């Protein structure tokens, strides 16, 4: 059985692209909505799997979402959610 480490590993990446990420998420959300998809479900599918097929190519949404690392999206979403 693998041994569990005693110390917590720290994950930190310095970035300040929250405005860019927000603009991309809003554009992707709008494109998914325009095509009749449930944007939240599609974005969750993408975030869990990493498969860009969950995102429509309509209005270049798939290319836009691929310009941002999923961990960066998750970090910004969590930060904004917890600060409310």
Protein backbone atom coordinates (compact mmCIF):
# COMPACT_ATOMS: atom_id res chain seq x y z
CA UNK A 1 0.00 0.00 0.00
CA UNK A 2 1.45 3.43 -0.94
CA UNK A 3 2.44 5.64 1.94
CA UNK A 4 0.52 8.91 2.33
CA UNK A 5 2.83 11.93 2.67
CA UNK A 6 2.65 13.89 5.92
CA UNK A 7 3.02 17.30 4.30
CA UNK A 8 0.64 19.15 2.04
CA UNK A 9 1.92 19.87 -1.45
CA UNK A 10 1.56 23.50 -2.45
CA UNK A 11 0.24 24.37 -5.91
CA UNK A 12 0.84 27.91 -7.05
CA UNK A 13 0.97 29.48 -10.46
CA UNK A 14 1.23 33.24 -10.75
CA UNK A 15 -1.21 34.64 -13.29
CA UNK A 16 -3.40 37.60 -13.76
CA UNK A 17 -5.45 36.76 -16.83
CA UNK A 18 -8.85 36.76 -15.17
CA UNK A 19 -10.25 39.40 -17.56
CA UNK A 20 -9.12 37.38 -20.59
CA UNK A 21 -10.53 34.15 -19.16
CA UNK A 22 -13.82 35.84 -18.27
CA UNK A 23 -14.18 37.20 -21.81
CA UNK A 24 -13.47 33.76 -23.31
CA UNK A 25 -15.93 32.02 -20.98
CA UNK A 26 -18.63 34.57 -21.80
CA UNK A 27 -18.05 34.13 -25.55
CA UNK A 28 -18.08 30.33 -25.27
CA UNK A 29 -21.20 30.43 -23.07
CA UNK A 30 -22.99 32.62 -25.63
CA UNK A 31 -21.98 30.39 -28.55
CA UNK A 32 -23.21 27.26 -26.75
CA UNK A 33 -26.47 28.97 -25.88
CA UNK A 34 -26.97 30.17 -29.48
CA UNK A 35 -26.58 26.60 -30.71
CA UNK A 36 -29.18 25.35 -28.22
CA UNK A 37 -26.86 23.57 -25.80
CA UNK A 38 -26.94 23.87 -22.02
CA UNK A 39 -23.74 25.92 -21.59
CA UNK A 40 -23.15 24.87 -17.98
CA UNK A 41 -23.42 21.16 -18.79
CA UNK A 42 -21.16 21.49 -21.81
CA UNK A 43 -18.53 23.48 -19.91
CA UNK A 44 -18.58 21.00 -17.02
CA UNK A 45 -18.09 18.15 -19.49
CA UNK A 46 -15.14 19.97 -21.00
CA UNK A 47 -13.62 20.82 -17.61
CA UNK A 48 -13.86 17.22 -16.38
CA UNK A 49 -12.72 15.47 -19.55
CA UNK A 50 -10.53 18.01 -21.32
CA UNK A 51 -12.26 17.02 -24.55
CA UNK A 52 -12.90 20.15 -26.65
CA UNK A 53 -15.68 18.28 -28.49
CA UNK A 54 -17.98 19.42 -25.66
CA UNK A 55 -17.58 22.98 -26.99
CA UNK A 56 -19.19 24.06 -30.23
CA UNK A 57 -17.05 25.43 -33.03
CA UNK A 58 -19.75 28.08 -33.59
CA UNK A 59 -18.27 31.61 -33.37
CA UNK A 60 -14.81 30.07 -32.89
CA UNK A 61 -15.74 29.00 -29.33
CA UNK A 62 -13.74 25.75 -29.42
CA UNK A 63 -10.56 27.53 -30.48
CA UNK A 64 -11.09 30.19 -27.84
CA UNK A 65 -11.52 27.75 -24.94
CA UNK A 66 -8.39 25.85 -26.02
CA UNK A 67 -6.32 29.03 -25.57
CA UNK A 68 -6.75 28.81 -21.79
CA UNK A 69 -5.52 26.02 -19.50
CA UNK A 70 -8.34 24.25 -17.68
CA UNK A 71 -6.55 24.66 -14.35
CA UNK A 72 -6.51 28.42 -14.94
CA UNK A 73 -10.26 28.42 -15.65
CA UNK A 74 -10.92 26.38 -12.53
CA UNK A 75 -8.73 28.62 -10.39
CA UNK A 76 -10.52 31.77 -11.54
CA UNK A 77 -13.98 30.22 -11.17
CA UNK A 78 -13.24 29.03 -7.63
CA UNK A 79 -11.68 32.33 -6.63
CA UNK A 80 -14.69 34.29 -7.90
CA UNK A 81 -17.20 31.88 -6.39
CA UNK A 82 -15.60 31.91 -2.96
CA UNK A 83 -15.20 35.70 -2.89
CA UNK A 84 -18.94 36.33 -3.33
